[in-house]
Amino acid sequence: MVKLTQRQEKLLTALAESGVGLSLKDLEGLMKVSRRTIYREFADLKLYLQSQGVAITNENGLYRLTGQVAKLDGVFEDEVAKQELTTAKRESILACQLLLAGQATKIISLALSLKVSEGTIQRDLTKLERSLSQYDLHVIKQKGVGVYIEGNEAKRRQVLTGILLNELNEYYFLRYVQKGEEVAQFKHLFLDAINPQIFRQVYQGLSQTILPVVELNSDRQMIQLILIATISIKRAQLGKHPHASKTKDNLRYLAKVYEFFATLDGSLRAKLTTDEALFIASQIHLRDYSEQQFDLNEDQEWPLTLKVRQFVLDVSKDFGWNFQRNPDFFKRLTRHILNLEKNSHDRLPNVQIETLQTLTTKYQGLYNSIMKCWPQNFELRLVIPEYQLILLYFANEYTNRRYLQDLAALIVCENGIGTANILASRLKKELPEIKRVSITHLAVLGQVDLQQYDLILSTLELPGFPREYQLVSPLLLNDEVKRLKDYLANYHRPDYGQVKTSLVKHKNALKKLSQMKAYLDLSLKLITQTQVHKVANQGSDLGASVEETLAHIPGEIINNKEEVTLALLRRINLAPIGIPDTNLALLHTSDAGVNQCYFGIYELAHPIKMLGMDREEMQVSRYTLMVAPKEVTDLEQKVLGIISSSIVMNSENTNVFETGTSEAVQELLANQLLNEIPKEK
């Protein structure tokens, strides 16, 4: 018997269930592989399918199976069984059955339906009890009666929706509710308790009444509404209703909800109460982007506002820097935390996001303060990437150029009188961020505490001077003013405790010089390669855009473009890559198909919708592409890390990557890499 790969089984299952057929674009999206890979799988399957009396046919661009397709039933059953028999899947099925049930269920009945022992069900119930307790839902076992879940009805429905959303294949689900295509997934135990036709009827009713008047961020939110409405109907039929209060937010949707109820069959709407209507209205409000106001004076958000204020205060005290000065920062952070709480069942995966990891290393102290202060103010438990996203907001604020407004400058001249005063006057006029200017002359320069100054200017050369200084004329000419402004634009106040006050004799000087040369050579090579490229994408298929992008990268950099394409698509599917509040995404990977490190920026002719790292849908018009070999040297890791972290270091940097020219990006990277030249430890 021919043994098919998991991908081949999945491909055949999709084609068999599709009914009218699937386009190549459909298959690429479903299989998460390139068009070339799909063609290769077709070729590999050809002989096997011929032996079964089956063929893959292409009619008007739609691929489907023809012939004795029934002979492949074993393949399809194996594929479904593989999906159902994992421990995690079984535990989710058990949770759904109990959350949907209107009365106690015998443990033996659960064991029989899931084809496991009663002992296995008992162990699963113990795990389920721990998981549900954080939502104030409790697993109750009564001897001779059975097991059931007790707790708040609204939370019960929301948890059930979250589980179903994670377990259902969104692609299959939408094809079913929109086109009525029968798919094997609706034979799945998740949906046994609900007639699949109800999902179609709910979708059609929502499409006629609710969906045209609300603005949803994604298909995922539409699926959430279909699920929550269907679950509400099922629970109402069992006589289980939530308690819901009238608010100005849910009342604005109430009339539309009643219109939706009117589209349902009489048997479905018979037990739908006012509380049910208010509950569904509140769920619509949570997902209607057009109605999400972030006015910090709104009563409904005032409790959260107070928590965020205290959180920012606590981080400020713990880290030792005032984050309370910028209302815009506070508003953006509050909006982000509000989204976290509203979408608590649609969380960011707990996987490493490379750029955020580099940022964490750079601002380790600030990150530690955030992790320490968060649980003191919020009950919501975050995963590491969610903490890192909050760090992104704080780090942007910390590096905000507006706060470099109290700089001190030292002017060094031959006698400290006359011309130096002219220079001081010009300096204050042209650079108002410099609040304190001191003048000294060479004779007493050795007695000056250089740590007190951010900027040192001199009208004469100072050989062997231990600090960086700017050589200027007493009149401070216009080109010198521009040079000083550029310097301050990239200035970061150093740790003065590390500044050497005398010339140091280096150990292993030749070795260090060689290491510095290698660092500069690699930096210059990557910067020179960095260009903003145009991508003439025709639609919203990011995979096709990635393929086109890699096609133009020289073979000496990437030796296996198909393999690297798959690696990048896997990275896209692993976790969101969009930077919040921008039109920029980060597409980075390391793979054996890469020969040399590479960094570039790609501008899309047509923006693509995708999820940001904060799980909000965004329009991406540019993405950065960074690829590296599977094994990189410490030096390559360091340089790539500096480039990666510079993208999100502050909002000014991010804006350059989002909108800047090739030259602007190269200049920014050159400054970042020069500032990080390896120093003797």
Foldseek 3Di string as FASTA:
>chain_A
DDDDDLLLLVVQQCQALVVVFAALLRVCVVSVADSVVVVVSLVVCAVVQVVVQKHWDADPRGTHIDGPSVSCVVSNVVSVCVLCPDLVNLLLLVLLVQLLDLFFDALVVSCVVSVHDSVSSVVSQVVVQVVCVLVVKHWDQDPPGHIHIDDANLSSLVVSLLSCLVSDDLSVLCCCLPPVRDHPCCVPSSNPLPDSVLLNLLLVLCVVFPVVPFDFQDVSLVSSLSSSLRSLLSCLLSVDFGAADDDPQLVVCLVSLVSSLVSDPCSSNVRQDSRNSSSSSVSRSLGRPVNDDLDCVDPVCVVLLVLLVVLQVQLCVQLVHRPPPDPVLSSVLSVLVVLCVSVVSPAFDQDDDQLLVLVCVVPVSSLVSNVVSVVVRDPRDHHPLVSSLSVLSVLQSVPPLVVLQAFEEEEEEAQQDDLQVLQVVVCCVLPVSHDYYYYDYDVCVLVDDPLRHQAYEYCDDDPFQQDDYHHAHSNCDPVNSVVVVVCSVLDDNDPCVPGDRGDDDDDPVVVLVVVLVVLVVVLVVQLVQAFEAEFADDDQDVLVSQLVVLVPDDCQFFVDSSVVSSQQSVVCVNGPFARPPALEGEGEDAEQRGNAWYKYKYFYPAWHWDAHNSRGIDTHGMYMYIYHYPDDDPSVVVLVSLLSNQCSSHPVSVVCSRDNGSVSPSVSSVSSSVVPRDDDD
